[in-house]
C-alpha atoms as a PDB file:
ATOM      1  CA  MET A   1     -26.079 -20.927  36.106  1.00  0.00           C
ATOM      2  CA  VAL A   2     -23.307 -23.507  35.688  1.00  0.00           C
ATOM      3  CA  ASN A   3     -20.716 -23.045  32.957  1.00  0.00           C
ATOM      4  CA  ASP A   4     -20.617 -25.713  30.259  1.00  0.00           C
ATOM      5  CA  GLY A   5     -17.171 -25.844  28.657  1.00  0.00           C
ATOM      6  CA  TYR A   6     -16.626 -22.390  27.218  1.00  0.00           C
ATOM      7  CA  PHE A   7     -20.329 -21.510  27.302  1.00  0.00           C
ATOM      8  CA  ALA A   8     -21.998 -19.436  30.030  1.00  0.00           C
ATOM      9  CA  GLY A   9     -24.446 -22.224  30.815  1.00  0.00           C
ATOM     10  CA  THR A  10     -25.767 -25.559  29.664  1.00  0.00           C
ATOM     11  CA  LEU A  11     -27.433 -25.792  26.276  1.00  0.00           C
ATOM     12  CA  THR A  12     -30.772 -26.568  27.915  1.00  0.00           C
ATOM     13  CA  SER A  13     -30.631 -23.592  30.247  1.00  0.00           C
ATOM     14  CA  ARG A  14     -29.465 -21.169  27.554  1.00  0.00           C
ATOM     15  CA  ARG A  15     -32.154 -22.238  25.101  1.00  0.00           C
ATOM     16  CA  SER A  16     -34.797 -22.123  27.842  1.00  0.00           C
ATOM     17  CA  GLU A  17     -33.819 -18.576  28.809  1.00  0.00           C
ATOM     18  CA  LEU A  18     -33.955 -17.441  25.172  1.00  0.00           C
ATOM     19  CA  VAL A  19     -37.366 -18.988  24.545  1.00  0.00           C
ATOM     20  CA  GLY A  20     -38.673 -17.648  27.839  1.00  0.00           C
ATOM     21  CA  ALA A  21     -37.604 -14.116  26.964  1.00  0.00           C
ATOM     22  CA  LEU A  22     -39.096 -14.368  23.476  1.00  0.00           C
ATOM     23  CA  GLU A  23     -42.426 -15.508  24.889  1.00  0.00           C
ATOM     24  CA  ARG A  24     -42.769 -12.962  27.702  1.00  0.00           C
ATOM     25  CA  ASP A  25     -45.273 -10.194  26.956  1.00  0.00           C
ATOM     26  CA  ASP A  26     -43.465  -7.704  29.205  1.00  0.00           C
ATOM     27  CA  ILE A  27     -40.245  -7.866  27.146  1.00  0.00           C
ATOM     28  CA  GLY A  28     -40.102  -5.853  23.941  1.00  0.00           C
ATOM     29  CA  ALA A  29     -36.456  -6.264  22.964  1.00  0.00           C
ATOM     30  CA  LEU A  30     -33.480  -8.582  23.389  1.00  0.00           C
ATOM     31  CA  VAL A  31     -30.044  -6.971  23.120  1.00  0.00           C
ATOM     32  CA  GLY A  32     -26.931  -9.090  22.869  1.00  0.00           C
ATOM     33  CA  THR A  33     -24.246  -8.641  25.496  1.00  0.00           C
ATOM     34  CA  ARG A  34     -21.363  -9.436  23.156  1.00  0.00           C
ATOM     35  CA  GLY A  35     -20.408 -11.803  20.357  1.00  0.00           C
ATOM     36  CA  GLY A  36     -18.251 -14.894  20.618  1.00  0.00           C
ATOM     37  CA  TYR A  37     -19.569 -18.335  19.830  1.00  0.00           C
ATOM     38  CA  GLY A  38     -22.507 -20.561  20.633  1.00  0.00           C
ATOM     39  CA  SER A  39     -25.700 -19.164  19.096  1.00  0.00           C
ATOM     40  CA  ASN A  40     -25.742 -22.009  16.595  1.00  0.00           C
ATOM     41  CA  TYR A  41     -26.167 -24.522  19.444  1.00  0.00           C
ATOM     42  CA  LEU A  42     -29.507 -22.947  20.331  1.00  0.00           C
ATOM     43  CA  LEU A  43     -31.094 -23.514  16.946  1.00  0.00           C
ATOM     44  CA  ASP A  44     -31.612 -27.273  16.997  1.00  0.00           C
ATOM     45  CA  ASP A  45     -35.039 -27.976  18.529  1.00  0.00           C
ATOM     46  CA  LEU A  46     -35.674 -24.259  19.109  1.00  0.00           C
ATOM     47  CA  ASN A  47     -39.430 -24.180  19.707  1.00  0.00           C
ATOM     48  CA  ILE A  48     -40.926 -20.683  19.668  1.00  0.00           C
ATOM     49  CA  SER A  49     -44.619 -20.868  20.510  1.00  0.00           C
ATOM     50  CA  LYS A  50     -45.368 -17.236  19.523  1.00  0.00           C
ATOM     51  CA  PRO A  51     -43.802 -16.851  16.065  1.00  0.00           C
ATOM     52  CA  ALA A  52     -46.398 -14.225  15.152  1.00  0.00           C
ATOM     53  CA  SER A  53     -45.201 -11.932  17.958  1.00  0.00           C
ATOM     54  CA  PRO A  54     -41.641 -10.915  17.053  1.00  0.00           C
ATOM     55  CA  LYS A  55     -39.486  -8.777  19.327  1.00  0.00           C
ATOM     56  CA  ILE A  56     -36.579  -6.487  18.634  1.00  0.00           C
ATOM     57  CA  ILE A  57     -33.402  -8.584  18.393  1.00  0.00           C
ATOM     58  CA  LEU A  58     -30.344  -6.318  18.366  1.00  0.00           C
ATOM     59  CA  GLY A  59     -26.766  -7.495  17.894  1.00  0.00           C
ATOM     60  CA  PHE A  60     -24.148  -8.652  15.426  1.00  0.00           C
ATOM     61  CA  SER A  61     -21.291 -11.142  15.048  1.00  0.00           C
ATOM     62  CA  ASP A  62     -22.321 -14.533  16.524  1.00  0.00           C
ATOM     63  CA  LEU A  63     -25.958 -13.413  16.704  1.00  0.00           C
ATOM     64  CA  THR A  64     -25.990 -13.704  12.902  1.00  0.00           C
ATOM     65  CA  SER A  65     -26.841 -17.399  13.322  1.00  0.00           C
ATOM     66  CA  LEU A  66     -29.950 -16.590  15.348  1.00  0.00           C
ATOM     67  CA  GLN A  67     -30.919 -13.717  13.049  1.00  0.00           C
ATOM     68  CA  ILE A  68     -30.691 -15.952   9.979  1.00  0.00           C
ATOM     69  CA  TYR A  69     -32.726 -18.641  11.723  1.00  0.00           C
ATOM     70  CA  LEU A  70     -35.482 -16.213  12.746  1.00  0.00           C
ATOM     71  CA  TRP A  71     -35.693 -14.820   9.214  1.00  0.00           C
ATOM     72  CA  GLN A  72     -35.736 -18.168   7.451  1.00  0.00           C
ATOM     73  CA  ARG A  73     -38.265 -19.727   9.832  1.00  0.00           C
ATOM     74  CA  PHE A  74     -40.529 -16.814  10.744  1.00  0.00           C
ATOM     75  CA  GLN A  75     -39.536 -13.828   8.537  1.00  0.00           C
ATOM     76  CA  TRP A  76     -38.687 -11.852  11.671  1.00  0.00           C
ATOM     77  CA  ILE A  77     -36.983  -8.532  11.026  1.00  0.00           C
ATOM     78  CA  THR A  78     -33.938  -8.185  13.281  1.00  0.00           C
ATOM     79  CA  PHE A  79     -31.330  -5.477  13.771  1.00  0.00           C
ATOM     80  CA  TYR A  80     -27.650  -5.762  12.926  1.00  0.00           C
ATOM     81  CA  GLY A  81     -26.126  -3.290  15.325  1.00  0.00           C
ATOM     82  CA  PRO A  82     -24.356  -2.619  18.617  1.00  0.00           C
ATOM     83  CA  MET A  83     -24.437  -4.775  21.736  1.00  0.00           C
ATOM     84  CA  LEU A  84     -24.019  -3.933  25.409  1.00  0.00           C
ATOM     85  CA  ALA A  85     -20.312  -4.745  25.578  1.00  0.00           C
ATOM     86  CA  ALA A  86     -19.565  -4.261  21.880  1.00  0.00           C
ATOM     87  CA  GLY A  87     -20.595  -0.804  20.740  1.00  0.00           C
ATOM     88  CA  LEU A  88     -23.050   0.565  23.277  1.00  0.00           C
ATOM     89  CA  ASP A  89     -20.389   0.515  25.986  1.00  0.00           C
ATOM     90  CA  ALA A  90     -18.081   2.855  24.039  1.00  0.00           C
ATOM     91  CA  GLY A  91     -20.857   5.375  23.480  1.00  0.00           C
ATOM     92  CA  PRO A  92     -22.409   7.269  20.561  1.00  0.00           C
ATOM     93  CA  GLY A  93     -20.032   8.579  17.929  1.00  0.00           C
ATOM     94  CA  ALA A  94     -16.966   7.051  19.579  1.00  0.00           C
ATOM     95  CA  PRO A  95     -14.380   4.713  18.017  1.00  0.00           C
ATOM     96  CA  LYS A  96     -15.729   1.171  18.451  1.00  0.00           C
ATOM     97  CA  GLY A  97     -18.974   2.821  19.551  1.00  0.00           C
ATOM     98  CA  TYR A  98     -22.225   3.226  17.683  1.00  0.00           C
ATOM     99  CA  ASP A  99     -23.990   5.612  15.329  1.00  0.00           C
ATOM    100  CA  GLU A 100     -26.836   6.989  17.412  1.00  0.00           C
ATOM    101  CA  LYS A 101     -28.900   8.317  14.506  1.00  0.00           C
ATOM    102  CA  SER A 102     -29.118   4.998  12.666  1.00  0.00           C
ATOM    103  CA  LEU A 103     -29.794   3.077  15.892  1.00  0.00           C
ATOM    104  CA  LEU A 104     -32.696   5.276  16.936  1.00  0.00           C
ATOM    105  CA  ALA A 105     -34.078   5.427  13.399  1.00  0.00           C
ATOM    106  CA  ALA A 106     -34.019   1.638  13.072  1.00  0.00           C
ATOM    107  CA  LEU A 107     -35.762   1.058  16.394  1.00  0.00           C
ATOM    108  CA  GLN A 108     -38.215   3.969  16.372  1.00  0.00           C
ATOM    109  CA  ASN A 109     -38.955   5.048  12.812  1.00  0.00           C
ATOM    110  CA  MET A 110     -42.338   3.825  11.628  1.00  0.00           C
ATOM    111  CA  GLU A 111     -42.218   5.571   8.268  1.00  0.00           C
ATOM    112  CA  ASN A 112     -40.648   4.690   4.922  1.00  0.00           C
ATOM    113  CA  GLY A 113     -37.783   6.333   3.103  1.00  0.00           C
ATOM    114  CA  ARG A 114     -34.841   6.954   5.437  1.00  0.00           C
ATOM    115  CA  ALA A 115     -31.297   6.832   4.151  1.00  0.00           C
ATOM    116  CA  LEU A 116     -28.151   5.330   5.650  1.00  0.00           C
ATOM    117  CA  ASP A 117     -24.884   6.921   4.559  1.00  0.00           C
ATOM    118  CA  LEU A 118     -22.671   3.844   4.159  1.00  0.00           C
ATOM    119  CA  GLN A 119     -19.419   5.826   4.418  1.00  0.00           C
ATOM    120  CA  GLY A 120     -17.688   3.366   2.100  1.00  0.00           C
ATOM    121  CA  GLU A 121     -16.428   3.248  -1.483  1.00  0.00           C
ATOM    122  CA  VAL A 122     -17.918   1.854  -4.645  1.00  0.00           C
ATOM    123  CA  LEU A 123     -16.506  -1.385  -6.061  1.00  0.00           C
ATOM    124  CA  HIS A 124     -19.174  -1.574  -8.739  1.00  0.00           C
ATOM    125  CA  PRO A 125     -21.591   1.280  -9.461  1.00  0.00           C
ATOM    126  CA  GLY A 126     -25.322   1.087  -9.878  1.00  0.00           C
ATOM    127  CA  GLU A 127     -28.629   1.075  -8.076  1.00  0.00           C
ATOM    128  CA  ALA A 128     -30.751  -1.865  -6.999  1.00  0.00           C
ATOM    129  CA  GLN A 129     -33.703  -2.677  -4.799  1.00  0.00           C
ATOM    130  CA  GLY A 130     -33.971  -5.796  -2.683  1.00  0.00           C
ATOM    131  CA  ARG A 131     -34.346  -7.198   0.809  1.00  0.00           C
ATOM    132  CA  VAL A 132     -31.482  -6.574   3.250  1.00  0.00           C
ATOM    133  CA  LEU A 133     -30.078  -9.859   4.573  1.00  0.00           C
ATOM    134  CA  GLY A 134     -26.764 -11.228   5.784  1.00  0.00           C
ATOM    135  CA  GLY A 135     -24.431 -10.389   8.641  1.00  0.00           C
ATOM    136  CA  CYS A 136     -21.110 -11.806   9.722  1.00  0.00           C
ATOM    137  CA  LEU A 137     -19.421 -13.516   6.774  1.00  0.00           C
ATOM    138  CA  THR A 138     -18.252 -16.546   8.760  1.00  0.00           C
ATOM    139  CA  LEU A 139     -21.721 -17.184  10.177  1.00  0.00           C
ATOM    140  CA  VAL A 140     -23.496 -16.688   6.842  1.00  0.00           C
ATOM    141  CA  GLU A 141     -21.108 -19.238   5.383  1.00  0.00           C
ATOM    142  CA  THR A 142     -21.589 -21.791   8.175  1.00  0.00           C
ATOM    143  CA  ALA A 143     -25.381 -21.657   7.718  1.00  0.00           C
ATOM    144  CA  ILE A 144     -24.916 -23.331   4.320  1.00  0.00           C
ATOM    145  CA  GLY A 145     -26.271 -26.873   4.425  1.00  0.00           C
ATOM    146  CA  THR A 146     -28.368 -26.328   7.555  1.00  0.00           C
ATOM    147  CA  GLN A 147     -32.146 -26.285   7.677  1.00  0.00           C
ATOM    148  CA  TRP A 148     -31.953 -22.480   8.010  1.00  0.00           C
ATOM    149  CA  ASP A 149     -29.559 -21.926   5.108  1.00  0.00           C
ATOM    150  CA  LEU A 150     -29.965 -18.265   4.136  1.00  0.00           C
ATOM    151  CA  GLU A 151     -31.875 -17.719   0.899  1.00  0.00           C
ATOM    152  CA  THR A 152     -30.235 -14.795  -0.892  1.00  0.00           C
ATOM    153  CA  ASP A 153     -32.329 -14.426  -4.049  1.00  0.00           C
ATOM    154  CA  ASP A 154     -33.239 -10.769  -4.623  1.00  0.00           C
ATOM    155  CA  ALA A 155     -31.251  -9.729  -1.552  1.00  0.00           C
ATOM    156  CA  ILE A 156     -29.062  -6.782  -0.814  1.00  0.00           C
ATOM    157  CA  LEU A 157     -26.482  -8.888   0.962  1.00  0.00           C
ATOM    158  CA  VAL A 158     -24.523  -7.493   3.919  1.00  0.00           C
ATOM    159  CA  LEU A 159     -21.215  -9.247   4.609  1.00  0.00           C
ATOM    160  CA  GLU A 160     -18.607  -8.249   7.175  1.00  0.00           C
ATOM    161  CA  ASP A 161     -16.107  -9.828   9.561  1.00  0.00           C
ATOM    162  CA  ARG A 162     -12.876  -9.221  11.442  1.00  0.00           C
ATOM    163  CA  GLY A 163      -9.522 -10.897  12.072  1.00  0.00           C
ATOM    164  CA  MET A 164      -9.476 -12.892   8.839  1.00  0.00           C
ATOM    165  CA  LYS A 165      -6.500 -13.087   6.537  1.00  0.00           C
ATOM    166  CA  PRO A 166      -7.328 -11.931   3.007  1.00  0.00           C
ATOM    167  CA  TRP A 167      -7.007 -15.467   1.691  1.00  0.00           C
ATOM    168  CA  GLN A 168      -9.546 -16.628   4.301  1.00  0.00           C
ATOM    169  CA  VAL A 169     -11.978 -13.984   3.064  1.00  0.00           C
ATOM    170  CA  ASP A 170     -11.230 -15.226  -0.467  1.00  0.00           C
ATOM    171  CA  ARG A 171     -12.048 -18.794   0.544  1.00  0.00           C
ATOM    172  CA  ALA A 172     -15.300 -17.799   2.263  1.00  0.00           C
ATOM    173  CA  LEU A 173     -16.489 -15.693  -0.679  1.00  0.00           C
ATOM    174  CA  MET A 174     -15.640 -18.456  -3.133  1.00  0.00           C
ATOM    175  CA  HIS A 175     -17.613 -20.906  -0.991  1.00  0.00           C
ATOM    176  CA  LEU A 176     -20.633 -18.591  -1.095  1.00  0.00           C
ATOM    177  CA  LYS A 177     -20.218 -18.164  -4.835  1.00  0.00           C
ATOM    178  CA  GLN A 178     -19.929 -21.910  -5.472  1.00  0.00           C
ATOM    179  CA  ALA A 179     -22.962 -22.493  -3.241  1.00  0.00           C
ATOM    180  CA  GLY A 180     -24.988 -20.161  -5.480  1.00  0.00           C
ATOM    181  CA  LYS A 181     -25.425 -17.441  -2.873  1.00  0.00           C
ATOM    182  CA  PHE A 182     -24.460 -14.647  -5.279  1.00  0.00           C
ATOM    183  CA  ALA A 183     -26.358 -15.946  -8.308  1.00  0.00           C
ATOM    184  CA  ASN A 184     -29.437 -13.765  -7.818  1.00  0.00           C
ATOM    185  CA  VAL A 185     -28.400 -11.056  -5.385  1.00  0.00           C
ATOM    186  CA  ARG A 186     -29.407  -7.484  -6.223  1.00  0.00           C
ATOM    187  CA  GLY A 187     -26.525  -5.718  -4.464  1.00  0.00           C
ATOM    188  CA  ILE A 188     -23.835  -6.161  -1.817  1.00  0.00           C
ATOM    189  CA  VAL A 189     -22.737  -4.059   1.169  1.00  0.00           C
ATOM    190  CA  LEU A 190     -19.348  -5.009   2.615  1.00  0.00           C
ATOM    191  CA  GLY A 191     -17.878  -4.027   5.957  1.00  0.00           C
ATOM    192  CA  ASP A 192     -14.433  -2.549   6.439  1.00  0.00           C
ATOM    193  CA  PHE A 193     -12.904  -5.851   7.669  1.00  0.00           C
ATOM    194  CA  PRO A 194     -10.681  -4.607  10.521  1.00  0.00           C
ATOM    195  CA  GLU A 195      -7.633  -6.618  11.570  1.00  0.00           C
ATOM    196  CA  CYS A 196      -7.573  -8.311   8.174  1.00  0.00           C
ATOM    197  CA  GLU A 197      -4.314  -6.826   6.936  1.00  0.00           C
ATOM    198  CA  VAL A 198      -2.053  -8.588   4.460  1.00  0.00           C
ATOM    199  CA  THR A 199       0.630 -10.817   5.921  1.00  0.00           C
ATOM    200  CA  VAL A 200       3.033 -10.369   3.005  1.00  0.00           C
ATOM    201  CA  ALA A 201       3.720  -6.918   1.593  1.00  0.00           C
ATOM    202  CA  GLY A 202       2.278  -6.504  -1.884  1.00  0.00           C
ATOM    203  CA  SER A 203      -0.139  -9.439  -1.648  1.00  0.00           C
ATOM    204  CA  PRO A 204      -3.882  -8.934  -2.288  1.00  0.00           C
ATOM    205  CA  THR A 205      -5.886  -7.040   0.315  1.00  0.00           C
ATOM    206  CA  VAL A 206      -9.438  -7.890   1.378  1.00  0.00           C
ATOM    207  CA  ARG A 207     -10.616  -5.089  -0.883  1.00  0.00           C
ATOM    208  CA  ASP A 208      -8.703  -6.656  -3.787  1.00  0.00           C
ATOM    209  CA  VAL A 209     -10.258 -10.038  -3.041  1.00  0.00           C
ATOM    210  CA  CYS A 210     -13.781  -8.585  -2.935  1.00  0.00           C
ATOM    211  CA  GLN A 211     -13.220  -6.688  -6.172  1.00  0.00           C
ATOM    212  CA  ARG A 212     -11.931  -9.769  -8.002  1.00  0.00           C
ATOM    213  CA  ILE A 213     -14.607 -12.214  -6.842  1.00  0.00           C
ATOM    214  CA  LEU A 214     -17.652  -9.967  -6.530  1.00  0.00           C
ATOM    215  CA  GLY A 215     -17.005  -7.286  -9.149  1.00  0.00           C
ATOM    216  CA  PRO A 216     -17.851  -9.572 -12.104  1.00  0.00           C
ATOM    217  CA  LEU A 217     -21.350 -10.119 -10.673  1.00  0.00           C
ATOM    218  CA  GLY A 218     -22.254  -6.743 -12.146  1.00  0.00           C
ATOM    219  CA  VAL A 219     -24.424  -5.677  -9.204  1.00  0.00           C
ATOM    220  CA  PRO A 220     -23.986  -2.519  -7.103  1.00  0.00           C
ATOM    221  CA  ILE A 221     -21.288  -3.088  -4.470  1.00  0.00           C
ATOM    222  CA  VAL A 222     -20.164  -0.795  -1.645  1.00  0.00           C
ATOM    223  CA  PHE A 223     -17.047  -1.703   0.334  1.00  0.00           C
ATOM    224  CA  GLY A 224     -15.936  -0.383   3.724  1.00  0.00           C
ATOM    225  CA  ALA A 225     -19.215   0.405   5.493  1.00  0.00           C
ATOM    226  CA  PRO A 226     -18.968   0.613   9.305  1.00  0.00           C
ATOM    227  CA  VAL A 227     -21.290  -2.322   9.978  1.00  0.00           C
ATOM    228  CA  GLY A 228     -20.724  -5.043  12.530  1.00  0.00           C
ATOM    229  CA  HIS A 229     -17.050  -5.391  13.366  1.00  0.00           C
ATOM    230  CA  THR A 230     -15.605  -1.936  12.817  1.00  0.00           C
ATOM    231  CA  MET A 231     -13.317   0.526  14.547  1.00  0.00           C
ATOM    232  CA  ARG A 232     -15.736   3.362  13.664  1.00  0.00           C
ATOM    233  CA  PRO A 233     -19.155   4.195  15.145  1.00  0.00           C
ATOM    234  CA  MET A 234     -21.276   1.222  14.081  1.00  0.00           C
ATOM    235  CA  LEU A 235     -24.332   1.645  11.893  1.00  0.00           C
ATOM    236  CA  THR A 236     -27.514  -0.209  12.794  1.00  0.00           C
ATOM    237  CA  VAL A 237     -28.985  -1.997   9.770  1.00  0.00           C
ATOM    238  CA  PRO A 238     -32.421  -3.670   9.853  1.00  0.00           C
ATOM    239  CA  LEU A 239     -32.290  -7.177   8.370  1.00  0.00           C
ATOM    240  CA  GLY A 240     -35.325  -8.359   6.425  1.00  0.00           C
ATOM    241  CA  VAL A 241     -36.583  -4.984   5.228  1.00  0.00           C
ATOM    242  CA  LYS A 242     -36.841  -3.822   1.630  1.00  0.00           C
ATOM    243  CA  ALA A 243     -34.232  -1.244   0.676  1.00  0.00           C
ATOM    244  CA  ARG A 244     -32.586   0.516  -2.252  1.00  0.00           C
ATOM    245  CA  LEU A 245     -28.790   0.424  -2.565  1.00  0.00           C
ATOM    246  CA  SER A 246     -27.190   3.312  -4.431  1.00  0.00           C
ATOM    247  CA  ALA A 247     -23.547   2.535  -5.208  1.00  0.00           C
ATOM    248  CA  LYS A 248     -22.172   5.984  -5.940  1.00  0.00           C
ATOM    249  CA  GLY A 249     -20.049   8.304  -3.857  1.00  0.00           C
ATOM    250  CA  ALA A 250     -19.758   6.776  -0.388  1.00  0.00           C
ATOM    251  CA  GLY A 251     -22.860   4.624  -0.937  1.00  0.00           C
ATOM    252  CA  VAL A 252     -26.395   5.025   0.371  1.00  0.00           C
ATOM    253  CA  LEU A 253     -28.820   2.394   1.634  1.00  0.00           C
ATOM    254  CA  GLU A 254     -32.370   3.723   1.596  1.00  0.00           C
ATOM    255  CA  ILE A 255     -34.694   1.763   3.876  1.00  0.00           C
ATOM    256  CA  LEU A 256     -38.035   1.510   2.095  1.00  0.00           C
ATOM    257  CA  GLU A 257     -40.233   0.128   4.875  1.00  0.00           C
ATOM    258  CA  PRO A 258     -40.334   0.462   8.663  1.00  0.00           C
ATOM    259  CA  ALA A 259     -38.645  -2.236  10.713  1.00  0.00           C
ATOM    260  CA  VAL A 260     -40.956  -1.727  13.698  1.00  0.00           C
ATOM    261  CA  VAL A 261     -44.683  -1.183  14.068  1.00  0.00           C
ATOM    262  CA  SER A 262     -46.746   0.249  16.902  1.00  0.00           C
END
């Protein structure tokens, strides 16, 4: 494969490999190697001939673009969790590793009613039921205006990112708010936003920003869950499933339907 700029291959070859893997009957799962940039390039003219035969898609960060696309076009359930060189490589229970229990439960559990301890803190208390959607904040935001713009009505919205200044998180959240993405959400789960420290002592933190912009929505909100970019063992969260968010204590997300079937 020949590099194309800062991509690992040409657009044509990368899209062809993705479609080929999705269409092969002997492949049951696609696991991302790492994040970065470029999944959005694959989405124009992405022709999947077997939309009724979804596979496990596991990853986070840049894969958010593909996960949103697959949900909006085909209602495919995907998995927001560790990748080969971003979580799985560090090992189960390790810093920057992955939470083994939630990973195995997401990929193997075919029954309803399993709970994820979100290990966060409550910004607004309450309980709500909805469909889990979202992913990396930057990628959710950049889907706005595309043909696969994420529909967030009745969603429990997951938003996380890394390396953003608090004012950049502020700007992204305000964009989502002004685009109507919070108008009908049922609840929100926020990551712990590593490497997003304040640049001036005493200025608002990311937590402060989230509290100010999202708190007035009046829906259950949990901040600081180890999802996506995190220094803690990463939880695996199925995207597209129905769930119940309980914003009390450290927060609990109860998955109400299986993400995989036999």
